[in-house]
N, C-alpha and C. Protein backbone atom coordinates (compact mmCIF):
# COMPACT_ATOMS: atom_id res chain seq x y z
N MET A 1 -32.98 -71.58 -6.70
CA MET A 1 -31.91 -70.62 -6.77
C MET A 1 -30.54 -71.32 -6.71
N LEU A 2 -30.41 -72.28 -5.82
CA LEU A 2 -29.16 -73.02 -5.68
C LEU A 2 -28.86 -73.83 -6.94
N MET A 3 -29.87 -74.42 -7.53
CA MET A 3 -29.67 -75.21 -8.76
C MET A 3 -29.25 -74.33 -9.92
N LEU A 4 -29.76 -73.11 -9.96
CA LEU A 4 -29.38 -72.18 -11.01
C LEU A 4 -27.90 -71.82 -10.90
N GLY A 5 -27.44 -71.60 -9.69
CA GLY A 5 -26.02 -71.32 -9.47
C GLY A 5 -25.14 -72.50 -9.81
N PHE A 6 -25.61 -73.71 -9.48
CA PHE A 6 -24.85 -74.92 -9.80
C PHE A 6 -24.77 -75.12 -11.30
N ALA A 7 -25.87 -74.88 -12.00
CA ALA A 7 -25.88 -75.02 -13.45
C ALA A 7 -24.96 -73.98 -14.10
N GLY A 8 -24.95 -72.79 -13.56
CA GLY A 8 -24.04 -71.76 -14.08
C GLY A 8 -22.58 -72.13 -13.88
N PHE A 9 -22.27 -72.68 -12.71
CA PHE A 9 -20.91 -73.12 -12.42
C PHE A 9 -20.49 -74.25 -13.36
N MET A 10 -21.39 -75.19 -13.59
CA MET A 10 -21.09 -76.31 -14.49
C MET A 10 -20.91 -75.83 -15.93
N GLY A 11 -21.70 -74.86 -16.33
CA GLY A 11 -21.53 -74.29 -17.67
C GLY A 11 -20.20 -73.59 -17.82
N LEU A 12 -19.81 -72.87 -16.79
CA LEU A 12 -18.51 -72.19 -16.80
C LEU A 12 -17.37 -73.21 -16.82
N LEU A 13 -17.50 -74.27 -16.04
CA LEU A 13 -16.49 -75.32 -16.02
C LEU A 13 -16.38 -76.01 -17.38
N LYS A 14 -17.51 -76.20 -18.05
CA LYS A 14 -17.51 -76.81 -19.38
C LYS A 14 -16.77 -75.91 -20.37
N ILE A 15 -16.97 -74.61 -20.29
CA ILE A 15 -16.28 -73.67 -21.18
C ILE A 15 -14.78 -73.68 -20.91
N VAL A 16 -14.40 -73.75 -19.65
CA VAL A 16 -12.98 -73.78 -19.29
C VAL A 16 -12.32 -75.05 -19.82
N LEU A 17 -12.98 -76.20 -19.70
CA LEU A 17 -12.42 -77.45 -20.20
C LEU A 17 -12.32 -77.45 -21.72
N MET A 18 -13.31 -76.85 -22.39
CA MET A 18 -13.24 -76.74 -23.84
C MET A 18 -12.10 -75.83 -24.27
N ALA A 19 -11.90 -74.73 -23.55
CA ALA A 19 -10.80 -73.82 -23.87
C ALA A 19 -9.45 -74.49 -23.64
N LEU A 20 -9.34 -75.27 -22.58
CA LEU A 20 -8.11 -76.00 -22.29
C LEU A 20 -7.79 -76.99 -23.41
N ALA A 21 -8.79 -77.75 -23.84
CA ALA A 21 -8.58 -78.71 -24.92
C ALA A 21 -8.28 -78.01 -26.24
N ALA A 22 -8.94 -76.88 -26.50
CA ALA A 22 -8.69 -76.15 -27.74
C ALA A 22 -7.28 -75.56 -27.77
N PHE A 23 -6.83 -75.01 -26.65
CA PHE A 23 -5.47 -74.47 -26.59
C PHE A 23 -4.44 -75.57 -26.80
N ALA A 24 -4.64 -76.71 -26.14
CA ALA A 24 -3.70 -77.83 -26.30
C ALA A 24 -3.70 -78.34 -27.74
N LEU A 25 -4.86 -78.40 -28.37
CA LEU A 25 -4.95 -78.86 -29.75
C LEU A 25 -4.24 -77.91 -30.70
N PHE A 26 -4.46 -76.62 -30.56
CA PHE A 26 -3.80 -75.64 -31.43
C PHE A 26 -2.29 -75.62 -31.18
N ASP A 27 -1.88 -75.75 -29.94
CA ASP A 27 -0.45 -75.78 -29.64
C ASP A 27 0.21 -77.00 -30.27
N ALA A 28 -0.44 -78.15 -30.17
CA ALA A 28 0.12 -79.36 -30.76
C ALA A 28 0.15 -79.27 -32.28
N ALA A 29 -0.83 -78.60 -32.86
CA ALA A 29 -0.88 -78.49 -34.31
C ALA A 29 0.28 -77.65 -34.86
N PHE A 30 0.77 -76.69 -34.09
CA PHE A 30 1.83 -75.82 -34.57
C PHE A 30 3.23 -76.28 -34.17
N ARG A 31 3.35 -77.38 -33.45
CA ARG A 31 4.67 -77.92 -33.10
C ARG A 31 5.18 -78.82 -34.22
N ARG A 32 6.50 -79.00 -34.26
CA ARG A 32 7.11 -79.82 -35.30
C ARG A 32 6.93 -81.30 -34.99
N GLU A 33 6.72 -82.10 -36.04
CA GLU A 33 6.51 -83.54 -35.90
C GLU A 33 7.73 -84.24 -35.32
N ASP A 34 8.92 -83.90 -35.78
CA ASP A 34 10.12 -84.59 -35.32
C ASP A 34 10.44 -84.33 -33.86
N ALA A 35 9.97 -83.22 -33.32
CA ALA A 35 10.21 -82.92 -31.90
C ALA A 35 9.44 -83.87 -30.99
N PHE A 36 8.25 -84.28 -31.41
CA PHE A 36 7.47 -85.24 -30.62
C PHE A 36 8.21 -86.57 -30.54
N ARG A 37 8.69 -87.04 -31.68
CA ARG A 37 9.42 -88.32 -31.70
C ARG A 37 10.73 -88.23 -30.94
N ALA A 38 11.43 -87.10 -31.07
CA ALA A 38 12.71 -86.95 -30.37
C ALA A 38 12.53 -86.88 -28.86
N ALA A 39 11.41 -86.34 -28.41
CA ALA A 39 11.15 -86.27 -26.97
C ALA A 39 10.61 -87.58 -26.42
N GLY A 40 10.26 -88.51 -27.31
CA GLY A 40 9.72 -89.79 -26.87
C GLY A 40 8.31 -89.67 -26.31
N LYS A 41 7.51 -88.79 -26.89
CA LYS A 41 6.17 -88.51 -26.39
C LYS A 41 5.10 -88.86 -27.42
N GLN A 42 5.13 -90.07 -27.98
CA GLN A 42 4.25 -90.51 -29.04
C GLN A 42 4.51 -89.70 -30.30
N THR A 43 3.50 -89.52 -31.14
CA THR A 43 3.67 -88.75 -32.37
C THR A 43 2.73 -87.55 -32.35
N LYS A 44 2.96 -86.65 -33.27
CA LYS A 44 2.11 -85.47 -33.37
C LYS A 44 0.68 -85.86 -33.74
N VAL A 45 0.53 -86.81 -34.66
CA VAL A 45 -0.80 -87.25 -35.08
C VAL A 45 -1.55 -87.86 -33.91
N PHE A 46 -0.87 -88.65 -33.09
CA PHE A 46 -1.50 -89.25 -31.91
C PHE A 46 -2.07 -88.16 -31.01
N TRP A 47 -1.27 -87.13 -30.71
CA TRP A 47 -1.74 -86.08 -29.81
C TRP A 47 -2.83 -85.22 -30.46
N LEU A 48 -2.76 -85.02 -31.77
CA LEU A 48 -3.82 -84.26 -32.43
C LEU A 48 -5.15 -85.01 -32.37
N VAL A 49 -5.10 -86.33 -32.56
CA VAL A 49 -6.33 -87.13 -32.48
C VAL A 49 -6.88 -87.13 -31.05
N ILE A 50 -6.03 -87.37 -30.07
CA ILE A 50 -6.47 -87.41 -28.68
C ILE A 50 -7.06 -86.07 -28.24
N LEU A 51 -6.37 -84.98 -28.57
CA LEU A 51 -6.85 -83.66 -28.16
C LEU A 51 -8.08 -83.23 -28.95
N GLY A 52 -8.17 -83.64 -30.20
CA GLY A 52 -9.39 -83.37 -30.97
C GLY A 52 -10.59 -84.09 -30.40
N ILE A 53 -10.40 -85.34 -30.02
CA ILE A 53 -11.49 -86.10 -29.38
C ILE A 53 -11.85 -85.45 -28.04
N ALA A 54 -10.85 -85.01 -27.30
CA ALA A 54 -11.12 -84.35 -26.01
C ALA A 54 -11.96 -83.09 -26.21
N LEU A 55 -11.67 -82.33 -27.25
CA LEU A 55 -12.44 -81.11 -27.52
C LEU A 55 -13.87 -81.44 -27.91
N VAL A 56 -14.06 -82.41 -28.78
CA VAL A 56 -15.41 -82.79 -29.22
C VAL A 56 -16.23 -83.36 -28.06
N VAL A 57 -15.59 -84.21 -27.26
CA VAL A 57 -16.29 -84.83 -26.13
C VAL A 57 -16.68 -83.79 -25.09
N SER A 58 -15.80 -82.83 -24.85
CA SER A 58 -16.14 -81.79 -23.86
C SER A 58 -17.27 -80.90 -24.34
N TYR A 59 -17.45 -80.82 -25.66
CA TYR A 59 -18.56 -80.04 -26.21
C TYR A 59 -19.87 -80.83 -26.18
N LEU A 60 -19.81 -82.11 -26.53
CA LEU A 60 -21.04 -82.90 -26.70
C LEU A 60 -21.63 -83.44 -25.41
N PHE A 61 -20.80 -83.82 -24.46
CA PHE A 61 -21.29 -84.52 -23.28
C PHE A 61 -21.36 -83.61 -22.06
N SER A 62 -22.17 -84.03 -21.11
CA SER A 62 -22.30 -83.30 -19.85
C SER A 62 -21.00 -83.40 -19.07
N ILE A 63 -20.73 -82.38 -18.32
CA ILE A 63 -19.49 -82.32 -17.55
C ILE A 63 -19.47 -83.39 -16.46
N LEU A 64 -20.61 -83.90 -16.08
CA LEU A 64 -20.68 -84.90 -15.02
C LEU A 64 -20.40 -86.32 -15.51
N SER A 65 -20.26 -86.52 -16.82
CA SER A 65 -19.95 -87.86 -17.32
C SER A 65 -18.43 -88.08 -17.32
N ILE A 66 -18.02 -89.30 -17.60
CA ILE A 66 -16.61 -89.66 -17.49
C ILE A 66 -15.80 -89.20 -18.69
N LEU A 67 -16.41 -89.08 -19.86
CA LEU A 67 -15.65 -88.74 -21.06
C LEU A 67 -15.04 -87.33 -21.03
N PRO A 68 -15.77 -86.29 -20.61
CA PRO A 68 -15.10 -84.99 -20.50
C PRO A 68 -13.98 -84.97 -19.46
N ALA A 69 -14.12 -85.75 -18.42
CA ALA A 69 -13.06 -85.83 -17.41
C ALA A 69 -11.81 -86.48 -18.01
N ALA A 70 -12.00 -87.52 -18.82
CA ALA A 70 -10.87 -88.16 -19.49
C ALA A 70 -10.22 -87.20 -20.49
N GLY A 71 -11.03 -86.42 -21.18
CA GLY A 71 -10.50 -85.42 -22.10
C GLY A 71 -9.71 -84.35 -21.37
N ALA A 72 -10.19 -83.95 -20.20
CA ALA A 72 -9.47 -82.95 -19.40
C ALA A 72 -8.12 -83.51 -18.93
N VAL A 73 -8.10 -84.77 -18.56
CA VAL A 73 -6.84 -85.41 -18.14
C VAL A 73 -5.87 -85.45 -19.32
N ALA A 74 -6.35 -85.80 -20.51
CA ALA A 74 -5.49 -85.84 -21.69
C ALA A 74 -4.93 -84.45 -22.00
N SER A 75 -5.75 -83.42 -21.89
CA SER A 75 -5.30 -82.05 -22.15
C SER A 75 -4.26 -81.62 -21.12
N ILE A 76 -4.48 -81.96 -19.88
CA ILE A 76 -3.54 -81.59 -18.82
C ILE A 76 -2.22 -82.34 -18.98
N VAL A 77 -2.28 -83.61 -19.36
CA VAL A 77 -1.05 -84.38 -19.59
C VAL A 77 -0.25 -83.75 -20.73
N TYR A 78 -0.94 -83.33 -21.79
CA TYR A 78 -0.22 -82.68 -22.89
C TYR A 78 0.43 -81.39 -22.42
N LEU A 79 -0.31 -80.56 -21.71
CA LEU A 79 0.20 -79.25 -21.32
C LEU A 79 1.29 -79.32 -20.26
N VAL A 80 1.24 -80.32 -19.39
CA VAL A 80 2.20 -80.41 -18.29
C VAL A 80 3.42 -81.27 -18.63
N ASP A 81 3.25 -82.28 -19.46
CA ASP A 81 4.34 -83.21 -19.73
C ASP A 81 4.88 -83.09 -21.16
N VAL A 82 4.02 -83.18 -22.14
CA VAL A 82 4.46 -83.25 -23.53
C VAL A 82 4.92 -81.88 -24.04
N ARG A 83 4.14 -80.85 -23.82
CA ARG A 83 4.45 -79.52 -24.34
C ARG A 83 5.82 -79.01 -23.86
N PRO A 84 6.15 -79.11 -22.55
CA PRO A 84 7.49 -78.64 -22.14
C PRO A 84 8.63 -79.45 -22.77
N ALA A 85 8.44 -80.75 -22.93
CA ALA A 85 9.49 -81.58 -23.53
C ALA A 85 9.70 -81.22 -24.99
N VAL A 86 8.62 -81.02 -25.72
CA VAL A 86 8.73 -80.66 -27.13
C VAL A 86 9.28 -79.24 -27.28
N LYS A 87 8.84 -78.36 -26.40
CA LYS A 87 9.29 -76.97 -26.44
C LYS A 87 10.79 -76.87 -26.14
N ALA A 88 11.28 -77.69 -25.23
CA ALA A 88 12.70 -77.68 -24.89
C ALA A 88 13.56 -78.16 -26.06
N LEU A 89 13.05 -79.09 -26.82
CA LEU A 89 13.81 -79.60 -27.96
C LEU A 89 13.83 -78.63 -29.13
N THR A 90 12.81 -77.82 -29.25
CA THR A 90 12.75 -76.88 -30.37
C THR A 90 13.33 -75.53 -30.00
N GLY A 91 13.88 -75.37 -28.83
CA GLY A 91 14.51 -74.12 -28.43
C GLY A 91 13.53 -73.05 -28.03
N GLY A 92 12.65 -73.34 -27.11
CA GLY A 92 11.67 -72.35 -26.64
C GLY A 92 10.50 -72.27 -27.58
N THR A 93 10.24 -71.07 -28.13
CA THR A 93 9.07 -70.90 -28.97
C THR A 93 9.37 -71.18 -30.43
N ARG A 94 10.60 -71.46 -30.78
CA ARG A 94 10.90 -71.79 -32.18
C ARG A 94 10.21 -73.07 -32.55
N GLY A 95 9.63 -73.10 -33.73
CA GLY A 95 8.94 -74.28 -34.18
C GLY A 95 7.48 -74.27 -33.80
N GLY A 96 7.04 -73.30 -33.05
CA GLY A 96 5.64 -73.21 -32.67
C GLY A 96 5.18 -71.77 -32.70
N TRP A 97 4.09 -71.51 -33.27
CA TRP A 97 3.42 -70.21 -33.33
C TRP A 97 4.16 -69.20 -34.20
N GLY A 98 5.24 -69.55 -34.86
CA GLY A 98 5.90 -68.68 -35.82
C GLY A 98 6.77 -67.58 -35.23
N ARG A 99 6.98 -67.56 -33.93
CA ARG A 99 7.86 -66.55 -33.31
C ARG A 99 9.14 -67.23 -32.88
N GLY A 100 10.20 -66.48 -32.81
CA GLY A 100 11.43 -67.08 -32.34
C GLY A 100 12.60 -66.14 -32.45
N LYS A 101 13.79 -66.71 -32.45
CA LYS A 101 15.01 -65.92 -32.46
C LYS A 101 15.25 -65.25 -33.81
N GLY A 102 14.59 -65.70 -34.86
CA GLY A 102 14.85 -65.20 -36.19
C GLY A 102 14.51 -63.74 -36.38
N ARG A 103 13.74 -63.15 -35.54
CA ARG A 103 13.34 -61.75 -35.69
C ARG A 103 14.05 -60.92 -34.64
N GLY A 104 14.99 -60.13 -35.09
CA GLY A 104 15.74 -59.30 -34.15
C GLY A 104 16.72 -60.15 -33.35
N GLY A 105 17.79 -59.58 -32.91
CA GLY A 105 18.74 -60.31 -32.08
C GLY A 105 19.49 -61.36 -32.85
N SER A 106 20.04 -62.31 -32.16
CA SER A 106 20.85 -63.36 -32.75
C SER A 106 19.95 -64.42 -33.37
N SER A 107 20.42 -65.02 -34.46
CA SER A 107 19.67 -66.09 -35.09
C SER A 107 20.62 -67.24 -35.41
N ASP A 108 20.07 -68.36 -35.77
CA ASP A 108 20.88 -69.51 -36.13
C ASP A 108 21.26 -69.46 -37.59
N GLY A 109 22.53 -69.73 -37.87
CA GLY A 109 23.02 -69.83 -39.23
C GLY A 109 22.97 -71.29 -39.66
N PRO A 110 23.52 -71.59 -40.83
CA PRO A 110 23.44 -72.98 -41.32
C PRO A 110 24.29 -73.95 -40.52
N TYR A 111 25.29 -73.43 -39.77
CA TYR A 111 26.19 -74.30 -39.02
C TYR A 111 26.12 -74.07 -37.51
N GLY A 112 25.09 -73.39 -37.04
CA GLY A 112 24.96 -73.14 -35.62
C GLY A 112 24.62 -71.69 -35.34
N PRO A 113 24.76 -71.25 -34.11
CA PRO A 113 24.41 -69.87 -33.75
C PRO A 113 25.27 -68.86 -34.50
N TYR A 114 24.64 -67.81 -34.95
CA TYR A 114 25.33 -66.73 -35.64
C TYR A 114 25.42 -65.55 -34.70
N ASN A 115 26.62 -65.10 -34.39
CA ASN A 115 26.82 -64.02 -33.43
C ASN A 115 27.28 -62.72 -34.08
N GLY A 116 27.08 -62.55 -35.34
CA GLY A 116 27.44 -61.30 -35.99
C GLY A 116 28.91 -61.20 -36.33
N GLY A 117 29.59 -62.31 -36.51
CA GLY A 117 30.98 -62.29 -36.96
C GLY A 117 32.00 -62.27 -35.83
N ARG A 118 31.62 -62.50 -34.60
CA ARG A 118 32.58 -62.53 -33.49
C ARG A 118 33.32 -63.81 -33.45
């Protein structure tokens, strides 16, 4: 009975780590390439490769091996360090996921913020 609970917990942990790596991979895929270089956080291709490997490794290997743990660390580093730096350079959600200031409210014009003629 105890082993069944442990196996269930490990399966749940494996799903959580896969979801973490998948979210980080999709987020990195939708960010702009130049923002990674401007933030000094390697390149977009580097993070896509690392996070893709993290996702595959977390799927293929047991959670008790070292490779899924390394993938989890890479995903956490992206989400805690790289993502906020890239997001700050692109102005919040602009440049990622297709949402931003352009819909409703104030938007940027060709020479800077457009305030409606003020």
